[in-house]
Amino acid sequence: MKKTSTLKHSENLERELKTMLHFHANPSIVQASCPHLHFKFNTKSVTLCYIYMEYASLGNLDKMISDSRGRLPEDTVRRATRMILQGLKALHSEGYVHCDLKPSNVFVFPSNTPGEPWDLKLTGFGLSKEPTMDSSLLFPGNTEYMPPEAIAPKTFIGPDRLIGPARDRNSLKKFPTMYFVGNLLENTKRGKFI
């Protein structure tokens, strides 16, 4: 799979590649297919850069949720949450923070485990915080999944600022529960259960 960016955002793509290469042996992290950042000039005089990564033939978690019309069974949510937590544990144990955790940054692959339909892997590390970066900085992300103190940083000062692994956990608690709880409430209203 090829991920492309303009030269202006090449730093994010380079960070993503560097993170994937650092976790090259981890089954919870999308793997880079080539260890280099590539550059290409197009006809509009815009320089593009790109990286290659493993192809997620089953799409991403956002597509999985959409295909199920937001009605994921409890065992699917449980399995997805466990796999995402395994990826976050690997990142956090080495001082990395994802900073842009959302369903579209969780890829779905055919499972290598007999009897299991799919496996999940984390991707989208372009906004991630690396261990050597200044941890007092807030990093951008999708506001739908960001904690309030990341959106309005001047409101939260000192220990109330959410930096580091806690920021990823805040994002994580928003998307799986958003779909599962929504599904549970909807089915409860109808008198049906998953």
N, C-alpha and C. Protein backbone atom coordinates (compact mmCIF):
# COMPACT_ATOMS: atom_id res chain seq x y z
N MET A 1 0.85 -1.16 0.00
CA MET A 1 0.00 0.00 0.00
C MET A 1 0.90 1.23 0.00
N LYS A 2 0.51 2.23 -0.74
CA LYS A 2 1.30 3.46 -0.87
C LYS A 2 0.56 4.59 -0.16
N LYS A 3 1.26 5.29 0.72
CA LYS A 3 0.69 6.45 1.40
C LYS A 3 1.45 7.68 0.92
N THR A 4 0.72 8.68 0.43
CA THR A 4 1.32 9.84 -0.21
C THR A 4 1.04 11.12 0.57
N SER A 5 1.97 12.05 0.48
CA SER A 5 1.83 13.35 1.12
C SER A 5 2.57 14.38 0.28
N THR A 6 2.28 15.65 0.50
CA THR A 6 3.04 16.70 -0.16
C THR A 6 4.36 16.87 0.59
N LEU A 7 5.29 17.50 -0.04
CA LEU A 7 6.59 17.74 0.57
C LEU A 7 6.43 18.54 1.87
N LYS A 8 5.46 19.42 1.89
CA LYS A 8 5.19 20.25 3.07
C LYS A 8 4.94 19.40 4.32
N HIS A 9 4.32 18.23 4.13
CA HIS A 9 3.99 17.35 5.26
C HIS A 9 4.90 16.12 5.31
N SER A 10 6.04 16.19 4.65
CA SER A 10 6.94 15.04 4.60
C SER A 10 7.46 14.65 5.98
N GLU A 11 7.56 15.63 6.88
CA GLU A 11 8.03 15.33 8.24
C GLU A 11 7.10 14.34 8.92
N ASN A 12 5.79 14.49 8.74
CA ASN A 12 4.83 13.55 9.33
C ASN A 12 4.97 12.17 8.72
N LEU A 13 5.13 12.11 7.42
CA LEU A 13 5.28 10.82 6.75
C LEU A 13 6.59 10.14 7.16
N GLU A 14 7.61 10.94 7.31
CA GLU A 14 8.90 10.41 7.75
C GLU A 14 8.80 9.86 9.18
N ARG A 15 8.07 10.57 10.05
CA ARG A 15 7.86 10.10 11.43
C ARG A 15 7.08 8.79 11.43
N GLU A 16 6.08 8.70 10.55
CA GLU A 16 5.29 7.47 10.46
C GLU A 16 6.17 6.30 10.04
N LEU A 17 6.99 6.52 9.03
CA LEU A 17 7.89 5.46 8.56
C LEU A 17 8.87 5.06 9.66
N LYS A 18 9.45 6.03 10.32
CA LYS A 18 10.42 5.77 11.39
C LYS A 18 9.79 4.94 12.50
N THR A 19 8.54 5.26 12.86
CA THR A 19 7.84 4.51 13.91
C THR A 19 7.57 3.07 13.46
N MET A 20 7.09 2.91 12.22
CA MET A 20 6.84 1.55 11.71
C MET A 20 8.12 0.73 11.68
N LEU A 21 9.22 1.35 11.28
CA LEU A 21 10.50 0.63 11.24
C LEU A 21 10.97 0.27 12.65
N HIS A 22 10.75 1.15 13.60
CA HIS A 22 11.14 0.86 14.98
C HIS A 22 10.40 -0.37 15.51
N PHE A 23 9.14 -0.51 15.14
CA PHE A 23 8.31 -1.62 15.61
C PHE A 23 8.16 -2.71 14.53
N HIS A 24 9.20 -2.90 13.74
CA HIS A 24 9.13 -3.80 12.57
C HIS A 24 8.76 -5.24 12.90
N ALA A 25 8.99 -5.70 14.11
CA ALA A 25 8.68 -7.09 14.44
C ALA A 25 7.41 -7.22 15.27
N ASN A 26 6.68 -6.12 15.47
CA ASN A 26 5.51 -6.18 16.32
C ASN A 26 4.25 -6.48 15.50
N PRO A 27 3.53 -7.55 15.83
CA PRO A 27 2.33 -7.92 15.07
C PRO A 27 1.14 -6.97 15.25
N SER A 28 1.22 -6.00 16.16
CA SER A 28 0.12 -5.07 16.40
C SER A 28 0.31 -3.74 15.67
N ILE A 29 1.43 -3.60 14.95
CA ILE A 29 1.78 -2.37 14.26
C ILE A 29 1.91 -2.65 12.76
N VAL A 30 1.30 -1.81 11.93
CA VAL A 30 1.43 -1.96 10.47
C VAL A 30 2.90 -1.86 10.10
N GLN A 31 3.34 -2.74 9.21
CA GLN A 31 4.74 -2.81 8.84
C GLN A 31 5.03 -2.02 7.56
N ALA A 32 6.19 -1.36 7.55
CA ALA A 32 6.66 -0.68 6.35
C ALA A 32 7.16 -1.74 5.37
N SER A 33 6.84 -1.57 4.10
CA SER A 33 7.31 -2.52 3.08
C SER A 33 8.67 -2.11 2.53
N CYS A 34 9.05 -0.87 2.73
CA CYS A 34 10.33 -0.35 2.25
C CYS A 34 10.84 0.65 3.29
N PRO A 35 12.13 0.61 3.61
CA PRO A 35 12.64 1.47 4.68
C PRO A 35 12.96 2.91 4.26
N HIS A 36 12.52 3.33 3.09
CA HIS A 36 12.89 4.66 2.60
C HIS A 36 11.67 5.53 2.31
N LEU A 37 11.85 6.83 2.47
CA LEU A 37 10.87 7.82 2.06
C LEU A 37 11.18 8.11 0.59
N HIS A 38 10.17 8.08 -0.26
CA HIS A 38 10.35 8.28 -1.69
C HIS A 38 9.82 9.66 -2.08
N PHE A 39 10.44 10.25 -3.10
CA PHE A 39 10.01 11.57 -3.58
C PHE A 39 9.74 11.49 -5.08
N LYS A 40 8.75 12.27 -5.52
CA LYS A 40 8.39 12.29 -6.93
C LYS A 40 7.89 13.69 -7.29
N PHE A 41 8.33 14.19 -8.40
CA PHE A 41 7.85 15.47 -8.90
C PHE A 41 6.72 15.20 -9.88
N ASN A 42 5.59 15.89 -9.71
CA ASN A 42 4.49 15.68 -10.65
C ASN A 42 4.45 16.83 -11.66
N THR A 43 3.54 16.76 -12.59
CA THR A 43 3.46 17.75 -13.67
C THR A 43 3.06 19.14 -13.20
N LYS A 44 2.51 19.27 -12.03
CA LYS A 44 2.10 20.57 -11.50
C LYS A 44 3.21 21.20 -10.64
N SER A 45 4.43 20.69 -10.78
CA SER A 45 5.59 21.18 -10.03
C SER A 45 5.42 21.05 -8.52
N VAL A 46 4.65 20.06 -8.10
CA VAL A 46 4.48 19.79 -6.68
C VAL A 46 5.28 18.52 -6.37
N THR A 47 6.10 18.60 -5.35
CA THR A 47 6.86 17.43 -4.95
C THR A 47 6.01 16.60 -4.00
N LEU A 48 5.87 15.33 -4.33
CA LEU A 48 5.14 14.40 -3.48
C LEU A 48 6.13 13.46 -2.82
N CYS A 49 5.80 13.04 -1.63
CA CYS A 49 6.61 12.01 -0.99
C CYS A 49 5.67 10.87 -0.61
N TYR A 50 6.22 9.70 -0.50
CA TYR A 50 5.37 8.56 -0.17
C TYR A 50 6.17 7.46 0.50
N ILE A 51 5.44 6.60 1.20
CA ILE A 51 6.01 5.41 1.82
C ILE A 51 5.17 4.22 1.40
N TYR A 52 5.76 3.05 1.50
CA TYR A 52 5.04 1.81 1.22
C TYR A 52 4.87 1.04 2.53
N MET A 53 3.66 0.50 2.71
CA MET A 53 3.39 -0.30 3.89
C MET A 53 2.55 -1.51 3.49
N GLU A 54 2.43 -2.46 4.41
CA GLU A 54 1.67 -3.66 4.10
C GLU A 54 0.21 -3.31 3.78
N TYR A 55 -0.36 -4.07 2.88
CA TYR A 55 -1.71 -3.81 2.39
C TYR A 55 -2.75 -4.43 3.31
N ALA A 56 -3.68 -3.63 3.77
CA ALA A 56 -4.78 -4.11 4.63
C ALA A 56 -5.97 -4.46 3.73
N SER A 57 -6.04 -5.70 3.32
CA SER A 57 -7.05 -6.12 2.35
C SER A 57 -8.49 -6.02 2.88
N LEU A 58 -8.65 -5.95 4.19
CA LEU A 58 -9.99 -5.85 4.77
C LEU A 58 -10.34 -4.41 5.17
N GLY A 59 -9.49 -3.47 4.82
CA GLY A 59 -9.79 -2.06 5.08
C GLY A 59 -9.33 -1.60 6.45
N ASN A 60 -10.17 -0.78 7.08
CA ASN A 60 -9.84 -0.28 8.41
C ASN A 60 -11.05 -0.43 9.34
N LEU A 61 -10.84 -0.10 10.60
CA LEU A 61 -11.90 -0.26 11.59
C LEU A 61 -13.10 0.64 11.27
N ASP A 62 -12.85 1.80 10.72
CA ASP A 62 -13.94 2.69 10.33
C ASP A 62 -14.85 2.01 9.30
N LYS A 63 -14.26 1.33 8.33
CA LYS A 63 -15.03 0.59 7.31
C LYS A 63 -15.78 -0.58 7.96
N MET A 64 -15.12 -1.27 8.88
CA MET A 64 -15.76 -2.40 9.56
C MET A 64 -17.01 -1.92 10.31
N ILE A 65 -16.88 -0.80 10.99
CA ILE A 65 -18.01 -0.24 11.74
C ILE A 65 -19.12 0.19 10.78
N SER A 66 -18.72 0.85 9.70
CA SER A 66 -19.69 1.31 8.71
C SER A 66 -20.41 0.14 8.04
N ASP A 67 -19.66 -0.91 7.68
CA ASP A 67 -20.26 -2.09 7.04
C ASP A 67 -21.28 -2.77 7.95
N SER A 68 -21.07 -2.66 9.25
CA SER A 68 -22.02 -3.29 10.19
C SER A 68 -23.10 -2.30 10.61
N ARG A 69 -23.12 -1.14 9.93
CA ARG A 69 -24.07 -0.06 10.24
C ARG A 69 -23.99 0.36 11.71
N GLY A 70 -22.77 0.31 12.24
CA GLY A 70 -22.55 0.73 13.62
C GLY A 70 -23.01 -0.26 14.66
N ARG A 71 -23.28 -1.48 14.22
CA ARG A 71 -23.81 -2.51 15.14
C ARG A 71 -22.84 -3.66 15.27
N LEU A 72 -21.72 -3.39 15.88
CA LEU A 72 -20.73 -4.44 16.07
C LEU A 72 -21.14 -5.32 17.26
N PRO A 73 -21.06 -6.63 17.09
CA PRO A 73 -21.36 -7.53 18.20
C PRO A 73 -20.35 -7.33 19.34
N GLU A 74 -20.77 -7.65 20.54
CA GLU A 74 -19.93 -7.45 21.72
C GLU A 74 -18.59 -8.18 21.59
N ASP A 75 -18.59 -9.42 21.08
CA ASP A 75 -17.33 -10.15 20.96
C ASP A 75 -16.38 -9.48 19.96
N THR A 76 -16.92 -8.84 18.94
CA THR A 76 -16.11 -8.11 17.97
C THR A 76 -15.48 -6.88 18.63
N VAL A 77 -16.26 -6.16 19.41
CA VAL A 77 -15.75 -4.97 20.12
C VAL A 77 -14.68 -5.40 21.11
N ARG A 78 -14.93 -6.49 21.82
CA ARG A 78 -13.96 -6.99 22.81
C ARG A 78 -12.65 -7.36 22.12
N ARG A 79 -12.74 -8.10 21.04
CA ARG A 79 -11.53 -8.52 20.31
C ARG A 79 -10.79 -7.30 19.75
N ALA A 80 -11.52 -6.37 19.15
CA ALA A 80 -10.90 -5.17 18.59
C ALA A 80 -10.22 -4.34 19.67
N THR A 81 -10.88 -4.16 20.78
CA THR A 81 -10.31 -3.38 21.88
C THR A 81 -9.04 -4.03 22.41
N ARG A 82 -9.05 -5.36 22.55
CA ARG A 82 -7.87 -6.07 23.03
C ARG A 82 -6.69 -5.87 22.08
N MET A 83 -6.94 -5.98 20.78
CA MET A 83 -5.86 -5.82 19.80
C MET A 83 -5.32 -4.39 19.77
N ILE A 84 -6.20 -3.43 19.89
CA ILE A 84 -5.76 -2.02 19.92
C ILE A 84 -4.93 -1.77 21.17
N LEU A 85 -5.37 -2.31 22.30
CA LEU A 85 -4.61 -2.14 23.54
C LEU A 85 -3.24 -2.79 23.45
N GLN A 86 -3.14 -3.93 22.76
CA GLN A 86 -1.84 -4.57 22.58
C GLN A 86 -0.90 -3.66 21.80
N GLY A 87 -1.42 -3.01 20.75
CA GLY A 87 -0.61 -2.07 19.99
C GLY A 87 -0.19 -0.87 20.82
N LEU A 88 -1.13 -0.31 21.59
CA LEU A 88 -0.80 0.83 22.45
C LEU A 88 0.21 0.45 23.53
N LYS A 89 0.07 -0.74 24.06
CA LYS A 89 1.02 -1.21 25.08
C LYS A 89 2.43 -1.25 24.50
N ALA A 90 2.56 -1.75 23.29
CA ALA A 90 3.87 -1.80 22.64
C ALA A 90 4.44 -0.39 22.45
N LEU A 91 3.60 0.53 21.96
CA LEU A 91 4.05 1.91 21.76
C LEU A 91 4.46 2.56 23.08
N HIS A 92 3.57 2.50 24.06
CA HIS A 92 3.80 3.18 25.34
C HIS A 92 4.98 2.60 26.10
N SER A 93 5.21 1.29 25.98
CA SER A 93 6.32 0.66 26.70
C SER A 93 7.67 1.17 26.22
N GLU A 94 7.70 1.75 25.03
CA GLU A 94 8.95 2.29 24.50
C GLU A 94 8.93 3.82 24.42
N GLY A 95 7.96 4.43 25.07
CA GLY A 95 7.93 5.88 25.16
C GLY A 95 7.24 6.60 24.02
N TYR A 96 6.57 5.88 23.13
CA TYR A 96 5.85 6.49 22.02
C TYR A 96 4.40 6.76 22.43
N VAL A 97 3.80 7.81 21.86
CA VAL A 97 2.39 8.10 22.06
C VAL A 97 1.79 8.31 20.68
N HIS A 98 0.69 7.65 20.38
CA HIS A 98 0.10 7.69 19.04
C HIS A 98 -0.39 9.09 18.67
N CYS A 99 -1.19 9.71 19.49
CA CYS A 99 -1.72 11.07 19.33
C CYS A 99 -2.75 11.25 18.22
N ASP A 100 -3.06 10.22 17.46
CA ASP A 100 -4.08 10.35 16.42
C ASP A 100 -4.86 9.04 16.30
N LEU A 101 -5.17 8.46 17.44
CA LEU A 101 -5.88 7.18 17.45
C LEU A 101 -7.35 7.40 17.10
N LYS A 102 -7.77 6.74 16.03
CA LYS A 102 -9.15 6.81 15.55
C LYS A 102 -9.40 5.58 14.69
N PRO A 103 -10.64 5.22 14.42
CA PRO A 103 -10.93 4.00 13.67
C PRO A 103 -10.25 3.92 12.30
N SER A 104 -10.08 5.02 11.61
CA SER A 104 -9.43 4.96 10.30
C SER A 104 -7.94 4.70 10.40
N ASN A 105 -7.35 4.82 11.58
CA ASN A 105 -5.93 4.51 11.79
C ASN A 105 -5.73 3.13 12.43
N VAL A 106 -6.73 2.30 12.30
CA VAL A 106 -6.63 0.90 12.75
C VAL A 106 -6.98 0.05 11.53
N PHE A 107 -5.97 -0.64 10.98
CA PHE A 107 -6.16 -1.44 9.77
C PHE A 107 -6.60 -2.86 10.11
N VAL A 108 -7.38 -3.45 9.20
CA VAL A 108 -7.92 -4.80 9.39
C VAL A 108 -7.28 -5.74 8.36
N PHE A 109 -6.73 -6.83 8.87
CA PHE A 109 -6.04 -7.82 8.04
C PHE A 109 -6.68 -9.19 8.24
N PRO A 110 -6.59 -10.07 7.23
CA PRO A 110 -7.02 -11.45 7.46
C PRO A 110 -6.19 -12.03 8.61
N SER A 111 -6.82 -12.81 9.46
CA SER A 111 -6.14 -13.33 10.64
C SER A 111 -5.18 -14.46 10.31
N ASN A 112 -4.09 -14.50 11.06
CA ASN A 112 -3.15 -15.62 10.98
C ASN A 112 -3.50 -16.69 12.02
N THR A 113 -4.48 -16.39 12.86
CA THR A 113 -4.91 -17.32 13.91
C THR A 113 -6.07 -18.16 13.38
N PRO A 114 -5.93 -19.48 13.39
CA PRO A 114 -7.02 -20.34 12.91
C PRO A 114 -8.32 -20.06 13.67
N GLY A 115 -9.41 -19.95 12.91
CA GLY A 115 -10.72 -19.73 13.49
C GLY A 115 -11.08 -18.26 13.74
N GLU A 116 -10.13 -17.38 13.56
CA GLU A 116 -10.39 -15.94 13.76
C GLU A 116 -10.49 -15.27 12.40
N PRO A 117 -11.46 -14.38 12.20
CA PRO A 117 -11.68 -13.78 10.88
C PRO A 117 -10.71 -12.66 10.51
N TRP A 118 -10.18 -11.95 11.50
CA TRP A 118 -9.37 -10.77 11.20
C TRP A 118 -8.46 -10.43 12.37
N ASP A 119 -7.44 -9.63 12.08
CA ASP A 119 -6.55 -9.05 13.08
C ASP A 119 -6.49 -7.55 12.83
N LEU A 120 -6.23 -6.79 13.87
CA LEU A 120 -6.11 -5.34 13.76
C LEU A 120 -4.66 -4.92 14.02
N LYS A 121 -4.25 -3.85 13.32
CA LYS A 121 -2.92 -3.27 13.53
C LYS A 121 -3.04 -1.75 13.51
N LEU A 122 -2.26 -1.10 14.34
CA LEU A 122 -2.25 0.36 14.40
C LEU A 122 -1.41 0.95 13.28
N THR A 123 -1.84 2.09 12.78
CA THR A 123 -1.10 2.86 11.78
C THR A 123 -1.40 4.34 12.02
N GLY A 124 -0.95 5.21 11.14
CA GLY A 124 -1.22 6.64 11.27
C GLY A 124 -0.34 7.30 12.31
N PHE A 125 0.96 7.06 12.25
CA PHE A 125 1.89 7.57 13.25
C PHE A 125 2.50 8.92 12.89
N GLY A 126 1.96 9.59 11.90
CA GLY A 126 2.52 10.86 11.45
C GLY A 126 2.48 11.96 12.49
N LEU A 127 1.56 11.88 13.43
CA LEU A 127 1.45 12.90 14.48
C LEU A 127 1.94 12.38 15.83
N SER A 128 2.53 11.19 15.82
CA SER A 128 2.91 10.56 17.08
C SER A 128 4.06 11.30 17.78
N LYS A 129 4.13 11.06 19.07
CA LYS A 129 5.20 11.61 19.89
C LYS A 129 6.22 10.51 20.10
N GLU A 130 7.45 10.80 19.74
CA GLU A 130 8.54 9.85 19.93
C GLU A 130 9.18 10.08 21.29
N PRO A 131 9.89 9.08 21.82
CA PRO A 131 10.46 9.21 23.17
C PRO A 131 11.39 10.42 23.34
N THR A 132 12.07 10.82 22.30
CA THR A 132 13.03 11.91 22.42
C THR A 132 12.41 13.29 22.24
N MET A 133 11.11 13.35 21.93
CA MET A 133 10.45 14.63 21.71
C MET A 133 10.06 15.27 23.04
N ASP A 134 9.93 16.58 23.05
CA ASP A 134 9.52 17.33 24.23
C ASP A 134 8.08 16.93 24.61
N SER A 135 7.94 16.30 25.77
CA SER A 135 6.61 15.81 26.16
C SER A 135 5.67 16.91 26.63
N SER A 136 6.16 18.14 26.73
CA SER A 136 5.26 19.21 27.14
C SER A 136 4.47 19.75 25.96
N LEU A 137 4.81 19.32 24.76
CA LEU A 137 4.10 19.80 23.58
C LEU A 137 2.84 18.98 23.36
N LEU A 138 1.80 19.63 22.90
CA LEU A 138 0.59 18.94 22.49
C LEU A 138 0.66 18.73 20.99
N PHE A 139 0.20 17.61 20.54
CA PHE A 139 0.26 17.29 19.13
C PHE A 139 -1.14 17.31 18.54
N PRO A 140 -1.27 17.74 17.30
CA PRO A 140 -2.59 17.78 16.69
C PRO A 140 -3.14 16.38 16.46
N GLY A 141 -4.41 16.32 16.23
CA GLY A 141 -5.08 15.07 15.94
C GLY A 141 -6.49 15.38 15.52
N ASN A 142 -7.32 14.40 15.45
CA ASN A 142 -8.72 14.58 15.09
C ASN A 142 -9.48 15.01 16.34
N THR A 143 -10.07 16.20 16.31
CA THR A 143 -10.73 16.74 17.51
C THR A 143 -11.86 15.84 18.03
N GLU A 144 -12.44 15.03 17.17
CA GLU A 144 -13.50 14.13 17.62
C GLU A 144 -12.98 13.12 18.63
N TYR A 145 -11.70 12.79 18.56
CA TYR A 145 -11.12 11.77 19.43
C TYR A 145 -10.12 12.34 20.43
N MET A 146 -9.95 13.66 20.45
CA MET A 146 -8.97 14.27 21.35
C MET A 146 -9.61 14.61 22.70
N PRO A 147 -8.81 14.55 23.76
CA PRO A 147 -9.32 14.96 25.06
C PRO A 147 -9.51 16.47 25.08
N PRO A 148 -10.42 16.99 25.91
CA PRO A 148 -10.70 18.43 25.91
C PRO A 148 -9.48 19.28 26.19
N GLU A 149 -8.55 18.80 27.02
CA GLU A 149 -7.37 19.60 27.32
C GLU A 149 -6.41 19.71 26.15
N ALA A 150 -6.53 18.84 25.16
CA ALA A 150 -5.70 18.96 23.96
C ALA A 150 -6.31 19.96 23.00
N ILE A 151 -7.61 20.13 23.05
CA ILE A 151 -8.29 21.07 22.16
C ILE A 151 -8.17 22.49 22.71
N ALA A 152 -8.25 22.64 24.01
CA ALA A 152 -8.14 23.96 24.65
C ALA A 152 -7.00 23.92 25.67
N PRO A 153 -5.75 23.84 25.21
CA PRO A 153 -4.62 23.63 26.11
C PRO A 153 -4.42 24.72 27.15
N LYS A 154 -4.86 25.95 26.90
CA LYS A 154 -4.66 27.02 27.87
C LYS A 154 -5.60 26.87 29.07
N THR A 155 -6.64 26.06 28.90
CA THR A 155 -7.58 25.83 29.98
C THR A 155 -6.99 24.87 31.01
N PHE A 156 -6.14 23.96 30.56
CA PHE A 156 -5.59 22.93 31.43
C PHE A 156 -4.09 23.15 31.55
N ILE A 157 -3.64 23.42 32.76
CA ILE A 157 -2.24 23.73 33.00
C ILE A 157 -1.71 22.77 34.05
N GLY A 158 -0.43 22.46 33.95
CA GLY A 158 0.22 21.60 34.93
C GLY A 158 -0.26 20.17 34.86
N PRO A 159 -0.58 19.56 36.04
CA PRO A 159 -0.93 18.14 36.06
C PRO A 159 -2.26 17.82 35.37
N ASP A 160 -3.08 18.85 35.08
CA ASP A 160 -4.35 18.60 34.41
C ASP A 160 -4.20 18.40 32.91
N ARG A 161 -3.02 18.72 32.36
CA ARG A 161 -2.80 18.52 30.93
C ARG A 161 -2.63 17.04 30.66
N LEU A 162 -3.26 16.57 29.61
CA LEU A 162 -3.21 15.16 29.27
C LEU A 162 -2.17 14.94 28.18
N ILE A 163 -1.01 14.50 28.59
CA ILE A 163 0.11 14.26 27.69
C ILE A 163 0.53 12.80 27.87
N GLY A 164 1.05 12.22 26.82
CA GLY A 164 1.59 10.87 26.94
C GLY A 164 0.54 9.79 26.75
N PRO A 165 0.81 8.60 27.31
CA PRO A 165 -0.08 7.46 27.11
C PRO A 165 -1.53 7.73 27.51
N ALA A 166 -1.76 8.60 28.50
CA ALA A 166 -3.13 8.90 28.90
C ALA A 166 -3.92 9.51 27.75
N ARG A 167 -3.25 10.23 26.88
CA ARG A 167 -3.93 10.84 25.74
C ARG A 167 -4.44 9.76 24.79
N ASP A 168 -3.64 8.73 24.53
CA ASP A 168 -4.08 7.63 23.68
C ASP A 168 -5.24 6.87 24.32
N ARG A 169 -5.17 6.66 25.64
CA ARG A 169 -6.26 5.95 26.33
C ARG A 169 -7.55 6.74 26.23
N ASN A 170 -7.47 8.06 26.31
CA ASN A 170 -8.67 8.89 26.18
C ASN A 170 -9.29 8.69 24.80
N SER A 171 -8.47 8.67 23.75
CA SER A 171 -8.97 8.46 22.40
C SER A 171 -9.59 7.07 22.27
N LEU A 172 -8.92 6.08 22.82
CA LEU A 172 -9.39 4.71 22.73
C LEU A 172 -10.77 4.55 23.37
N LYS A 173 -10.96 5.17 24.51
CA LYS A 173 -12.25 4.96 25.19
C LYS A 173 -13.40 5.59 24.42
N LYS A 174 -13.09 6.51 23.52
CA LYS A 174 -14.17 7.17 22.77
C LYS A 174 -14.71 6.32 21.64
N PHE A 175 -13.84 5.70 20.81
CA PHE A 175 -14.43 5.07 19.64
C PHE A 175 -15.00 3.68 19.81
N PRO A 176 -14.39 2.73 20.51
CA PRO A 176 -15.08 1.44 20.62
C PRO A 176 -16.36 1.56 21.44
N THR A 177 -16.31 2.30 22.54
CA THR A 177 -17.50 2.40 23.37
C THR A 177 -18.59 3.19 22.68
N MET A 178 -18.20 4.15 21.85
CA MET A 178 -19.18 4.96 21.13
C MET A 178 -20.07 4.04 20.28
N TYR A 179 -19.47 3.06 19.61
CA TYR A 179 -20.24 2.19 18.74
C TYR A 179 -20.94 1.08 19.52
N PHE A 180 -20.24 0.53 20.52
CA PHE A 180 -20.85 -0.56 21.28
C PHE A 180 -22.01 -0.05 22.13
N VAL A 181 -21.79 1.03 22.87
CA VAL A 181 -22.84 1.56 23.73
C VAL A 181 -24.01 2.04 22.88
N GLY A 182 -23.72 2.70 21.76
CA GLY A 182 -24.79 3.13 20.87
C GLY A 182 -25.60 1.96 20.37
N ASN A 183 -24.93 0.88 20.03
CA ASN A 183 -25.60 -0.32 19.57
C ASN A 183 -26.42 -0.95 20.69
N LEU A 184 -25.85 -1.00 21.88
CA LEU A 184 -26.54 -1.59 23.02
C LEU A 184 -27.81 -0.80 23.35
N LEU A 185 -27.71 0.52 23.36
CA LEU A 185 -28.88 1.36 23.65
C LEU A 185 -29.95 1.19 22.58
N GLU A 186 -29.53 1.18 21.32
CA GLU A 186 -30.49 1.02 20.22
C GLU A 186 -31.21 -0.32 20.32
N ASN A 187 -30.46 -1.39 20.57
CA ASN A 187 -31.07 -2.72 20.68
C ASN A 187 -31.95 -2.85 21.92
N THR A 188 -31.57 -2.16 23.00
CA THR A 188 -32.39 -2.17 24.20
C THR A 188 -33.73 -1.52 23.93
N LYS A 189 -33.72 -0.42 23.18
CA LYS A 189 -34.97 0.25 22.83
C LYS A 189 -35.88 -0.65 22.03
N ARG A 190 -35.29 -1.45 21.16
CA ARG A 190 -36.07 -2.35 20.30
C ARG A 190 -36.39 -3.67 20.96
N GLY A 191 -35.83 -3.90 22.15
CA GLY A 191 -36.06 -5.17 22.84
C GLY A 191 -35.22 -6.29 22.27
N LYS A 192 -34.15 -5.94 21.54
CA LYS A 192 -33.25 -6.95 20.96
C LYS A 192 -31.89 -6.81 21.60
N PHE A 193 -31.20 -7.93 21.68
CA PHE A 193 -29.85 -7.91 22.20
C PHE A 193 -28.93 -8.63 21.23
N ILE A 194 -27.70 -8.22 21.22
CA ILE A 194 -26.73 -8.79 20.27
C ILE A 194 -26.38 -10.20 20.66
